[in-house]
Amino acid sequence: MTDHPTKTSRPRALSGMRPTGKLHLGNYVGALQNWVKLQNTHDCFFFVADWHALTTDYDNTSQLADNTLEVVLDFLAAGLDPERCAIFVQSHVREHAELHLLFSMITPLGWLERVPSFKEQQQQMPNKDLHMYGFLGYPLLQTADILLYRPDFVPVGEDQSAHIELTREVARRFNQFYKLNDKPVFPEPQTLLTPSPKLLGTDKRKMSKSYGNSILLSDEAAAVEQKIKNSVTDRPKLTDRGSPDRCPVGNLHQIFSDKERLSHITQGCTQATITCVECKALAVESVNAHLAPIRERRHALAQNPGKVRQTIQHGAQKAIAAAEETMSAVRDAIGLLRLGAVAELAAREEATAAIKVPEAITSVKNEDERWEMRTSEWLERINRTYPLKKDRPRTFITRRGRKVGLYAAAEENETWKFLLEDRPINVLVLLAQDKDRNLRDYVLPPKILQEHWKKLARNGDGVEIVLKRGPNGISLQTGEGELAIEQYAGDYSALQ
């Protein structure tokens, strides 16, 4: 396995969902709720698989873009944090398509035809013409989605285990044909089975929007109440003894009610001492209590579409960096002519090329002049896309009215020291000049400043920020330890 500069010390996990529109409770308990937990322990990449939607709905894409945004809204409302995971859209990372194409050259057709979902979906959708390569090859596209980020784990339900096994087989086959410096390019990711309790729809079938039996994460409290009240139950007559395991309402209690309430309705249902009306009313309380903060976050996000798109852009930047790292190894292992010769990539590299500070800076004593020499080219490049208006020395204003502090420092003993004014700012840009006079920019967003500003060391009337180079990259020193900031290098989303 090759080294991965973009990887953190945490194990990497990746998963995605198709953009079918607003997500329901089945999506939440089956995957999304677990993703929210994983972002605290893993280096996570979560994406909306919009190209996968075309494998069955290629003939109707009128709602594809809107549905993609709805899924991202639900991701964020449920608790995914773009500061702790990458949230992106599949089609925004073209490397998915490139790797899929290369895998299609070495994957036997028989491997794709034996994937269980290939025949199952054809049977489930008899009126849909699925005799398309895209439909046959979607498990291979899914393989490319996964291996592109070389994750350690893929969190899935049991029904997806066959797809992960195909992924492992393709990784082995590629590694047999191609190696990079005698090392395999792809690890074989492990399946991380999601602890997903069974969730029935309101009609006792599997919860699905196509069945019209789902409760959406975005449903208002009244809509949730109505759907639960109209749910079928396991007791045709009130004198019948039922089982919460077979009842949609009992199922909701098992997932969303506390132990005391669950014990109460379980005893009442199995002994026929509680009415279904009472059981449903208690389920409404439990579900709405869980969904209330999700709805609140979703409403706030829906009023700020710029933030949602900023999240997608930020996620795409992180995903592209990781994906291009993999594709560089893939191209070299196969023996393709390096893409550096292609004009498009040259332009892409130019946009992210290192800024070199003029050599004359070594003879400049005035601090303001040194700051000007370090920042002028960076400001010129940034202003092409993210115009910044000067407010006061070392402070700028974005188009959205955010105050940006811009500071620069030179490396000394693998350390950078910045002395800031102790004034309110929304975004902090730190330009770190290395020993070769190259600048690297770290754009710290509002959330980071809000959480850590008071923890930074004070030096007289100013704030002292110290960056240190370590084995996992450059980190910021706070009163509580080190803060990893590599993910903010070259990330300009906060400057919008």
Protein backbone atom coordinates (compact mmCIF):
# COMPACT_ATOMS: atom_id res chain seq x y z
CA MET A 1 0.00 0.00 0.00
CA THR A 2 1.43 3.40 -0.97
CA ASP A 3 1.74 6.36 1.37
CA HIS A 4 -1.20 8.74 1.50
CA PRO A 5 -0.26 12.33 2.43
CA THR A 6 -3.93 13.35 2.64
CA LYS A 7 -4.78 10.61 5.15
CA THR A 8 -4.98 11.39 8.83
CA SER A 9 -4.01 9.08 11.68
CA ARG A 10 -7.65 8.01 11.90
CA PRO A 11 -8.91 5.05 9.86
CA ARG A 12 -10.70 6.23 6.72
CA ALA A 13 -14.36 5.41 6.03
CA LEU A 14 -16.46 6.14 2.94
CA SER A 15 -20.11 5.72 2.05
CA GLY A 16 -22.78 7.36 -0.09
CA MET A 17 -26.48 7.59 -0.90
CA ARG A 18 -28.44 8.05 -4.09
CA PRO A 19 -30.31 11.35 -4.42
CA THR A 20 -33.88 10.09 -4.19
CA GLY A 21 -35.02 13.33 -2.57
CA LYS A 22 -35.75 13.93 1.09
CA LEU A 23 -34.52 11.09 3.29
CA HIS A 24 -36.80 9.01 5.53
CA LEU A 25 -36.35 7.36 8.90
CA GLY A 26 -35.20 4.15 7.24
CA ASN A 27 -32.27 6.00 5.64
CA TYR A 28 -31.55 7.60 8.99
CA VAL A 29 -31.46 4.53 11.23
CA GLY A 30 -29.98 2.33 8.48
CA ALA A 31 -26.99 4.56 7.69
CA LEU A 32 -27.05 8.26 8.45
CA GLN A 33 -27.26 7.97 12.23
CA ASN A 34 -24.21 5.74 12.19
CA TRP A 35 -22.32 8.14 9.91
CA VAL A 36 -22.83 10.91 12.44
CA LYS A 37 -21.07 8.76 15.05
CA LEU A 38 -18.29 7.67 12.68
CA GLN A 39 -17.23 11.25 11.92
CA ASN A 40 -15.95 11.48 15.50
CA THR A 41 -13.67 8.46 15.20
CA HIS A 42 -12.83 8.13 11.48
CA ASP A 43 -11.56 10.20 8.57
CA CYS A 44 -14.92 10.20 6.76
CA PHE A 45 -15.98 10.87 3.17
CA PHE A 46 -19.75 10.89 2.54
CA PHE A 47 -21.20 11.63 -0.88
CA VAL A 48 -24.40 11.95 -2.85
CA ALA A 49 -24.21 9.40 -5.68
CA ASP A 50 -25.93 11.40 -8.43
CA TRP A 51 -24.38 9.40 -11.28
CA HIS A 52 -25.81 6.24 -9.71
CA ALA A 53 -29.30 7.74 -9.95
CA LEU A 54 -28.89 7.64 -13.75
CA THR A 55 -28.48 3.87 -13.81
CA THR A 56 -32.24 3.40 -13.30
CA ASP A 57 -33.72 6.88 -13.81
CA TYR A 58 -31.76 7.99 -16.87
CA ASP A 59 -34.99 8.94 -18.64
CA ASN A 60 -36.14 11.48 -16.04
CA THR A 61 -33.54 13.79 -14.53
CA SER A 62 -35.73 16.86 -14.02
CA GLN A 63 -35.45 16.65 -10.21
CA LEU A 64 -31.91 15.31 -9.98
CA ALA A 65 -30.20 18.56 -8.93
CA ASP A 66 -32.96 19.49 -6.46
CA ASN A 67 -32.97 16.00 -4.98
CA THR A 68 -29.19 16.18 -4.53
CA LEU A 69 -29.53 19.38 -2.51
CA GLU A 70 -32.32 17.83 -0.42
CA VAL A 71 -30.08 14.92 0.52
CA VAL A 72 -27.24 17.26 1.51
CA LEU A 73 -29.71 19.24 3.63
CA ASP A 74 -30.71 16.04 5.42
CA PHE A 75 -27.05 15.05 5.88
CA LEU A 76 -26.35 18.33 7.64
CA ALA A 77 -29.61 18.43 9.58
CA ALA A 78 -29.00 14.92 10.92
CA GLY A 79 -25.67 16.02 12.36
CA LEU A 80 -22.94 15.51 9.76
CA ASP A 81 -20.41 18.30 10.30
CA PRO A 82 -18.40 19.54 7.30
CA GLU A 83 -15.59 20.42 9.72
CA ARG A 84 -15.31 16.75 10.72
CA CYS A 85 -16.06 14.95 7.44
CA ALA A 86 -16.09 15.59 3.70
CA ILE A 87 -19.59 15.93 2.23
CA PHE A 88 -19.58 16.06 -1.56
CA VAL A 89 -21.41 15.21 -4.77
CA GLN A 90 -20.11 12.31 -6.86
CA SER A 91 -20.24 14.11 -10.22
CA HIS A 92 -18.14 16.98 -8.87
CA VAL A 93 -15.15 14.64 -8.67
CA ARG A 94 -14.40 13.54 -12.22
CA GLU A 95 -11.84 11.02 -11.03
CA HIS A 96 -14.76 8.67 -10.17
CA ALA A 97 -15.47 8.33 -13.89
CA GLU A 98 -11.81 7.93 -14.82
CA LEU A 99 -11.21 5.11 -12.35
CA HIS A 100 -14.47 3.42 -13.38
CA LEU A 101 -13.27 3.45 -17.00
CA LEU A 102 -9.91 1.92 -16.08
CA PHE A 103 -11.54 -0.77 -13.95
CA SER A 104 -13.88 -1.63 -16.82
CA MET A 105 -10.82 -2.68 -18.83
CA ILE A 106 -9.88 -5.47 -16.40
CA THR A 107 -13.21 -6.63 -14.90
CA PRO A 108 -14.80 -9.80 -16.39
CA LEU A 109 -18.46 -9.45 -17.35
CA GLY A 110 -19.31 -12.51 -15.30
CA TRP A 111 -18.34 -10.69 -12.14
CA LEU A 112 -20.95 -8.01 -12.83
CA GLU A 113 -23.69 -10.40 -13.93
CA ARG A 114 -23.46 -12.41 -10.72
CA VAL A 115 -24.03 -9.39 -8.41
CA PRO A 116 -27.40 -10.26 -6.76
CA SER A 117 -28.95 -6.83 -7.27
CA PHE A 118 -28.48 -7.06 -11.07
CA LYS A 119 -31.32 -9.57 -11.50
CA GLU A 120 -33.27 -8.48 -8.43
CA GLN A 121 -33.77 -4.92 -9.66
CA GLN A 122 -34.72 -6.11 -13.13
CA GLN A 123 -37.45 -8.21 -11.52
CA GLN A 124 -38.57 -5.38 -9.24
CA MET A 125 -38.84 -2.92 -12.15
CA PRO A 126 -40.32 -4.98 -15.02
CA ASN A 127 -41.63 -1.87 -16.80
CA LYS A 128 -38.24 -0.17 -16.89
CA ASP A 129 -35.80 -0.86 -19.73
CA LEU A 130 -32.60 -1.65 -17.85
CA HIS A 131 -30.70 -3.24 -20.73
CA MET A 132 -28.01 -0.57 -20.47
CA TYR A 133 -24.30 -0.80 -19.78
CA GLY A 134 -24.71 1.78 -17.01
CA PHE A 135 -27.07 -0.55 -15.15
CA LEU A 136 -24.84 -3.60 -15.62
CA GLY A 137 -21.76 -1.61 -14.66
CA TYR A 138 -23.07 0.32 -11.69
CA PRO A 139 -21.47 -2.10 -9.16
CA LEU A 140 -18.15 -1.33 -10.87
CA LEU A 141 -18.81 2.40 -10.59
CA GLN A 142 -19.52 1.77 -6.92
CA THR A 143 -16.19 -0.06 -6.73
CA ALA A 144 -14.47 3.00 -8.21
CA ASP A 145 -16.32 5.25 -5.74
CA ILE A 146 -14.85 3.25 -2.88
CA LEU A 147 -11.31 2.50 -4.03
CA LEU A 148 -10.75 6.06 -5.24
CA TYR A 149 -10.36 7.08 -1.59
CA ARG A 150 -8.55 3.90 -0.51
CA PRO A 151 -10.61 3.63 2.69
CA ASP A 152 -9.99 1.22 5.51
CA PHE A 153 -13.72 0.63 6.05
CA VAL A 154 -16.99 0.92 4.15
CA PRO A 155 -20.03 1.21 6.44
CA VAL A 156 -22.91 -0.68 4.79
CA GLY A 157 -25.89 -2.85 5.59
CA GLU A 158 -25.85 -6.59 5.01
CA ASP A 159 -27.61 -6.18 1.65
CA GLN A 160 -24.53 -4.37 0.29
CA SER A 161 -21.96 -6.96 1.37
CA ALA A 162 -21.81 -8.51 -2.13
CA HIS A 163 -20.83 -5.13 -3.59
CA ILE A 164 -17.96 -4.77 -1.13
CA GLU A 165 -16.72 -8.25 -2.01
CA LEU A 166 -16.68 -7.22 -5.69
CA THR A 167 -14.67 -4.16 -4.66
CA ARG A 168 -12.13 -6.36 -2.93
CA GLU A 169 -11.89 -8.66 -5.97
CA VAL A 170 -11.31 -5.74 -8.34
CA ALA A 171 -8.64 -4.34 -6.01
CA ARG A 172 -6.86 -7.70 -6.00
CA ARG A 173 -7.07 -8.01 -9.79
CA PHE A 174 -5.72 -4.49 -10.34
CA ASN A 175 -2.87 -5.10 -7.90
CA GLN A 176 -1.99 -8.33 -9.74
CA PHE A 177 -1.64 -6.50 -13.07
CA TYR A 178 -0.16 -3.23 -11.89
CA LYS A 179 2.13 -2.23 -9.04
CA LEU A 180 3.80 1.00 -8.03
CA ASN A 181 7.37 0.52 -6.85
CA ASP A 182 6.52 -3.15 -6.25
CA LYS A 183 3.73 -2.15 -3.87
CA PRO A 184 -0.01 -2.68 -4.40
CA VAL A 185 -1.92 0.49 -5.27
CA PHE A 186 -5.17 -0.45 -3.57
CA PRO A 187 -5.86 -1.83 -0.10
CA GLU A 188 -8.79 -4.20 0.27
CA PRO A 189 -11.37 -2.27 2.31
CA GLN A 190 -13.16 -4.01 5.13
CA THR A 191 -16.93 -4.09 5.47
CA LEU A 192 -18.12 -2.16 8.49
CA LEU A 193 -21.58 -3.57 9.03
CA THR A 194 -23.87 -0.80 10.18
CA PRO A 195 -25.84 -1.66 13.31
CA SER A 196 -29.15 -1.03 11.65
CA PRO A 197 -32.34 -1.99 13.47
CA LYS A 198 -35.17 -3.14 11.24
CA LEU A 199 -37.56 -0.29 10.51
CA LEU A 200 -40.96 -1.04 9.04
CA GLY A 201 -43.01 1.37 7.00
CA THR A 202 -46.45 2.45 8.17
CA ASP A 203 -47.99 -0.48 6.23
CA LYS A 204 -45.66 -3.15 7.73
CA ARG A 205 -43.55 -3.42 4.56
CA LYS A 206 -39.99 -2.13 4.31
CA MET A 207 -40.00 1.66 4.61
CA SER A 208 -39.74 3.18 1.13
CA LYS A 209 -40.99 6.35 -0.50
CA SER A 210 -42.03 4.29 -3.52
CA TYR A 211 -44.47 2.41 -1.25
CA GLY A 212 -45.84 5.62 0.24
CA ASN A 213 -45.22 4.26 3.74
CA SER A 214 -42.33 6.42 4.90
CA ILE A 215 -41.84 9.07 7.56
CA LEU A 216 -39.44 11.75 6.33
CA LEU A 217 -36.74 13.37 8.44
CA SER A 218 -38.14 16.69 7.24
CA ASP A 219 -41.82 15.94 8.05
CA GLU A 220 -43.41 18.51 10.33
CA ALA A 221 -44.67 17.31 13.71
CA ALA A 222 -48.29 17.23 12.52
CA ALA A 223 -47.39 15.13 9.48
CA VAL A 224 -45.48 12.65 11.66
CA GLU A 225 -48.49 12.40 13.98
CA GLN A 226 -50.88 11.77 11.10
CA LYS A 227 -48.70 9.08 9.54
CA ILE A 228 -48.24 7.22 12.80
CA LYS A 229 -51.94 7.44 13.64
CA ASN A 230 -52.76 5.91 10.25
CA SER A 231 -50.22 3.08 10.65
CA VAL A 232 -51.44 -0.51 10.61
CA THR A 233 -50.83 -2.46 13.82
CA ASP A 234 -50.34 -6.06 14.91
CA ARG A 235 -53.67 -6.22 16.75
CA PRO A 236 -56.80 -6.42 14.56
CA LYS A 237 -58.89 -6.35 17.74
CA LEU A 238 -58.02 -4.61 21.02
CA THR A 239 -58.51 -7.89 22.85
CA ASP A 240 -55.82 -9.52 20.70
CA ARG A 241 -52.33 -9.83 22.09
CA GLY A 242 -49.74 -8.39 19.76
CA SER A 243 -45.99 -8.18 19.29
CA PRO A 244 -44.04 -4.91 18.89
CA ASP A 245 -41.54 -6.79 16.71
CA ARG A 246 -44.20 -7.22 14.01
CA CYS A 247 -45.83 -3.81 14.37
CA PRO A 248 -44.65 -0.55 12.70
CA VAL A 249 -45.64 1.42 15.79
CA GLY A 250 -43.88 -0.99 18.14
CA ASN A 251 -40.90 -0.81 15.80
CA LEU A 252 -40.76 2.99 16.23
CA HIS A 253 -40.81 2.59 20.00
CA GLN A 254 -37.94 0.10 19.84
CA ILE A 255 -35.79 2.70 18.08
CA PHE A 256 -36.93 6.07 19.43
CA SER A 257 -38.47 5.47 22.89
CA ASP A 258 -36.53 5.25 26.15
CA LYS A 259 -36.32 1.95 28.04
CA GLU A 260 -39.13 2.81 30.43
CA ARG A 261 -41.59 3.68 27.68
CA LEU A 262 -40.55 0.69 25.58
CA SER A 263 -41.09 -1.63 28.54
CA HIS A 264 -44.52 -0.07 29.13
CA ILE A 265 -45.79 -0.50 25.56
CA THR A 266 -44.20 -3.96 25.19
CA GLN A 267 -46.05 -5.24 28.23
CA GLY A 268 -49.25 -3.48 27.20
CA CYS A 269 -49.12 -4.81 23.64
CA THR A 270 -48.26 -8.40 24.49
CA GLN A 271 -50.81 -8.52 27.32
CA ALA A 272 -53.51 -6.48 25.51
CA THR A 273 -53.64 -3.95 28.38
CA ILE A 274 -52.90 -0.91 26.24
CA THR A 275 -54.87 0.41 23.28
CA CYS A 276 -53.26 0.98 19.92
CA VAL A 277 -54.43 4.61 20.10
CA GLU A 278 -52.44 5.15 23.31
CA CYS A 279 -49.43 3.29 21.90
CA LYS A 280 -49.48 5.45 18.75
CA ALA A 281 -49.74 8.67 20.77
CA LEU A 282 -46.66 7.70 22.77
CA ALA A 283 -44.81 6.82 19.56
CA VAL A 284 -45.66 10.26 18.14
CA GLU A 285 -44.09 11.85 21.23
CA SER A 286 -40.93 9.77 20.99
CA VAL A 287 -40.38 10.26 17.25
CA ASN A 288 -41.12 13.99 17.27
CA ALA A 289 -38.81 14.52 20.25
CA HIS A 290 -36.00 12.91 18.24
CA LEU A 291 -36.81 14.77 15.02
CA ALA A 292 -37.35 18.22 16.56
CA PRO A 293 -33.66 19.32 16.54
CA ILE A 294 -33.17 17.81 13.08
CA ARG A 295 -36.14 19.78 11.75
CA GLU A 296 -34.86 22.95 13.42
CA ARG A 297 -31.41 22.62 11.84
CA ARG A 298 -32.96 21.83 8.46
CA HIS A 299 -35.20 24.90 8.53
CA ALA A 300 -32.21 27.12 9.35
CA LEU A 301 -30.09 25.57 6.58
CA ALA A 302 -32.89 25.89 4.03
CA GLN A 303 -32.83 29.65 4.66
CA ASN A 304 -29.10 29.73 3.92
CA PRO A 305 -28.55 27.95 0.59
CA GLY A 306 -25.14 29.58 0.28
CA LYS A 307 -23.91 27.65 3.30
CA VAL A 308 -25.15 24.37 1.81
CA ARG A 309 -23.36 25.03 -1.47
CA GLN A 310 -20.27 26.10 0.46
CA THR A 311 -20.34 22.76 2.27
CA ILE A 312 -20.54 20.94 -1.07
CA GLN A 313 -17.67 22.99 -2.49
CA HIS A 314 -15.52 22.44 0.58
CA GLY A 315 -16.23 18.72 0.46
CA ALA A 316 -15.40 18.55 -3.24
CA GLN A 317 -12.04 20.19 -2.62
CA LYS A 318 -11.14 17.61 0.01
CA ALA A 319 -12.44 14.76 -2.14
CA ILE A 320 -10.59 15.93 -5.26
CA ALA A 321 -7.32 16.17 -3.33
CA ALA A 322 -7.67 12.60 -2.07
CA ALA A 323 -8.94 11.30 -5.43
CA GLU A 324 -6.17 12.92 -7.47
CA GLU A 325 -3.61 11.43 -5.10
CA THR A 326 -4.99 7.97 -5.87
CA MET A 327 -5.26 8.58 -9.61
CA SER A 328 -1.67 9.77 -9.80
CA ALA A 329 -0.59 6.41 -8.35
CA VAL A 330 -3.01 4.53 -10.65
CA ARG A 331 -1.76 6.25 -13.81
CA ASP A 332 1.86 5.65 -12.90
CA ALA A 333 1.20 1.99 -12.04
CA ILE A 334 -0.54 1.36 -15.37
CA GLY A 335 2.15 3.24 -17.28
CA LEU A 336 0.04 6.01 -18.78
CA LEU A 337 1.76 9.14 -20.02
CA ARG A 338 1.78 11.55 -17.10
CA LEU A 339 -1.14 13.95 -17.25
CA GLY A 340 1.14 16.86 -16.39
CA ALA A 341 1.56 17.21 -20.16
CA VAL A 342 -2.13 17.91 -20.65
CA ALA A 343 -3.06 21.58 -20.84
CA GLU A 344 -6.15 21.21 -18.67
CA LEU A 345 -4.22 19.70 -15.79
CA ALA A 346 -1.45 22.24 -16.26
CA ALA A 347 -4.01 24.99 -15.74
CA ARG A 348 -5.33 23.18 -12.70
CA GLU A 349 -1.82 22.87 -11.29
CA GLU A 350 -1.11 26.53 -12.01
CA ALA A 351 -4.16 27.56 -9.99
CA THR A 352 -2.81 25.70 -6.96
CA ALA A 353 0.90 26.28 -7.58
CA ALA A 354 3.01 27.36 -4.65
CA ILE A 355 3.62 31.08 -4.22
CA LYS A 356 7.29 31.92 -3.76
CA VAL A 357 8.26 34.96 -1.72
CA PRO A 358 10.81 37.25 -3.49
CA GLU A 359 14.38 36.61 -2.42
CA ALA A 360 14.78 40.31 -1.64
CA ILE A 361 12.68 39.85 1.48
CA THR A 362 15.80 38.78 3.39
CA SER A 363 17.15 42.33 3.24
CA VAL A 364 13.90 44.00 4.32
CA LYS A 365 13.75 45.08 7.97
CA ASN A 366 10.35 46.81 8.02
CA GLU A 367 7.61 44.40 9.17
CA ASP A 368 4.91 46.08 7.05
CA GLU A 369 7.06 45.75 3.92
CA ARG A 370 7.77 42.07 4.67
CA TRP A 371 4.03 41.47 5.10
CA GLU A 372 3.35 43.22 1.77
CA MET A 373 5.92 41.10 -0.08
CA ARG A 374 4.53 37.87 1.35
CA THR A 375 0.87 38.62 0.73
CA SER A 376 0.68 40.63 -2.51
CA GLU A 377 0.74 37.70 -4.96
CA TRP A 378 -1.58 35.65 -2.75
CA LEU A 379 -4.10 38.52 -2.63
CA GLU A 380 -3.88 39.01 -6.40
CA ARG A 381 -4.62 35.34 -7.02
CA ILE A 382 -7.44 35.10 -4.46
CA ASN A 383 -9.18 38.28 -5.63
CA ARG A 384 -9.87 36.71 -9.03
CA THR A 385 -12.42 34.41 -7.40
CA TYR A 386 -12.95 35.68 -3.86
CA PRO A 387 -12.72 39.50 -3.92
CA LEU A 388 -11.49 40.96 -0.64
CA LYS A 389 -11.96 44.63 0.23
CA LYS A 390 -9.33 46.20 2.48
CA ASP A 391 -10.77 47.34 5.80
CA ARG A 392 -7.69 48.17 7.90
CA PRO A 393 -4.08 46.93 8.03
CA ARG A 394 -4.09 43.14 7.68
CA THR A 395 -7.91 43.04 7.71
CA PHE A 396 -10.22 42.55 4.72
CA ILE A 397 -13.94 42.17 4.08
CA THR A 398 -15.49 39.41 1.93
CA ARG A 399 -18.50 39.89 -0.34
CA ARG A 400 -20.66 38.45 2.44
CA GLY A 401 -19.33 40.91 4.99
CA ARG A 402 -16.99 38.57 6.84
CA LYS A 403 -13.90 40.09 8.42
CA VAL A 404 -10.72 38.32 7.34
CA GLY A 405 -7.42 38.66 9.17
CA LEU A 406 -4.39 38.04 6.95
CA TYR A 407 -1.03 37.31 8.58
CA ALA A 408 2.26 35.87 7.39
CA ALA A 409 5.33 34.44 9.09
CA ALA A 410 8.58 32.71 8.16
CA GLU A 411 9.64 29.27 9.35
CA GLU A 412 12.17 28.99 12.15
CA ASN A 413 13.08 25.56 13.51
CA GLU A 414 9.93 24.02 11.95
CA THR A 415 7.83 26.63 13.74
CA TRP A 416 5.89 29.72 12.63
CA LYS A 417 4.89 32.50 15.02
CA PHE A 418 2.14 34.99 14.14
CA LEU A 419 1.30 38.03 16.28
CA LEU A 420 -2.28 39.19 15.75
CA GLU A 421 -4.30 42.10 16.97
CA ASP A 422 -6.82 40.98 19.59
CA ARG A 423 -9.78 42.19 17.53
CA PRO A 424 -12.88 40.31 16.37
CA ILE A 425 -12.49 38.57 13.00
CA ASN A 426 -14.55 35.89 11.29
CA VAL A 427 -11.85 34.18 9.20
CA LEU A 428 -8.12 33.91 9.79
CA VAL A 429 -5.66 33.35 6.94
CA LEU A 430 -2.18 32.26 7.96
CA LEU A 431 0.51 32.36 5.25
CA ALA A 432 3.35 30.08 6.33
CA GLN A 433 6.62 30.76 4.48
CA ASP A 434 8.96 27.76 4.48
CA LYS A 435 12.75 27.74 4.22
CA ASP A 436 12.56 27.72 0.42
CA ARG A 437 10.38 30.88 0.54
CA ASN A 438 7.25 28.99 -0.57
CA LEU A 439 3.98 30.07 1.01
CA ARG A 440 1.27 27.70 2.17
CA ASP A 441 -2.07 29.20 3.14
CA TYR A 442 -4.31 27.99 5.97
CA VAL A 443 -7.81 29.49 5.94
CA LEU A 444 -9.37 28.95 9.36
CA PRO A 445 -13.19 29.29 9.20
CA PRO A 446 -15.47 31.03 11.75
CA LYS A 447 -16.25 27.87 13.68
CA ILE A 448 -12.58 27.22 14.45
CA LEU A 449 -12.04 30.79 15.66
CA GLN A 450 -15.17 30.70 17.81
CA GLU A 451 -14.06 27.47 19.48
CA HIS A 452 -10.37 28.25 19.98
CA TRP A 453 -9.80 32.03 19.99
CA LYS A 454 -9.89 32.34 23.79
CA LYS A 455 -7.55 29.36 24.16
CA LEU A 456 -4.75 31.03 22.19
CA ALA A 457 -1.78 32.56 24.00
CA ARG A 458 -1.78 36.31 24.66
CA ASN A 459 1.33 38.44 24.19
CA GLY A 460 0.76 41.92 25.56
CA ASP A 461 -2.19 43.40 23.67
CA GLY A 462 -1.98 40.79 20.92
CA VAL A 463 -2.72 37.14 20.26
CA GLU A 464 0.18 34.82 19.51
CA ILE A 465 -0.43 31.90 17.17
CA VAL A 466 2.16 29.18 16.82
CA LEU A 467 2.21 26.59 14.03
CA LYS A 468 4.47 23.56 14.24
CA ARG A 469 5.49 21.01 11.66
CA GLY A 470 4.93 17.42 12.78
CA PRO A 471 4.67 13.88 11.33
CA ASN A 472 1.02 14.48 10.35
CA GLY A 473 1.59 17.91 8.87
CA ILE A 474 1.34 21.37 10.35
CA SER A 475 -0.73 21.92 13.47
CA LEU A 476 -1.77 24.95 15.51
CA GLN A 477 -0.81 25.07 19.18
CA THR A 478 -3.57 25.94 21.67
CA GLY A 479 -3.82 25.96 25.43
CA GLU A 480 -5.37 22.50 25.20
CA GLY A 481 -2.87 20.91 22.84
CA GLU A 482 -2.45 20.66 19.07
CA LEU A 483 -5.18 21.46 16.54
CA ALA A 484 -4.84 19.77 13.13
CA ILE A 485 -5.27 22.35 10.36
CA GLU A 486 -4.02 20.58 7.22
CA GLN A 487 -7.62 20.26 5.99
CA TYR A 488 -7.80 24.06 5.75
CA ALA A 489 -4.77 24.41 3.49
CA GLY A 490 -5.96 25.97 0.24
CA ASP A 491 -9.61 25.77 1.30
CA TYR A 492 -11.10 29.14 0.37
CA SER A 493 -14.77 28.35 1.04
CA ALA A 494 -14.77 30.62 4.11
CA LEU A 495 -13.77 33.58 1.90
CA GLN A 496 -17.00 33.56 -0.08
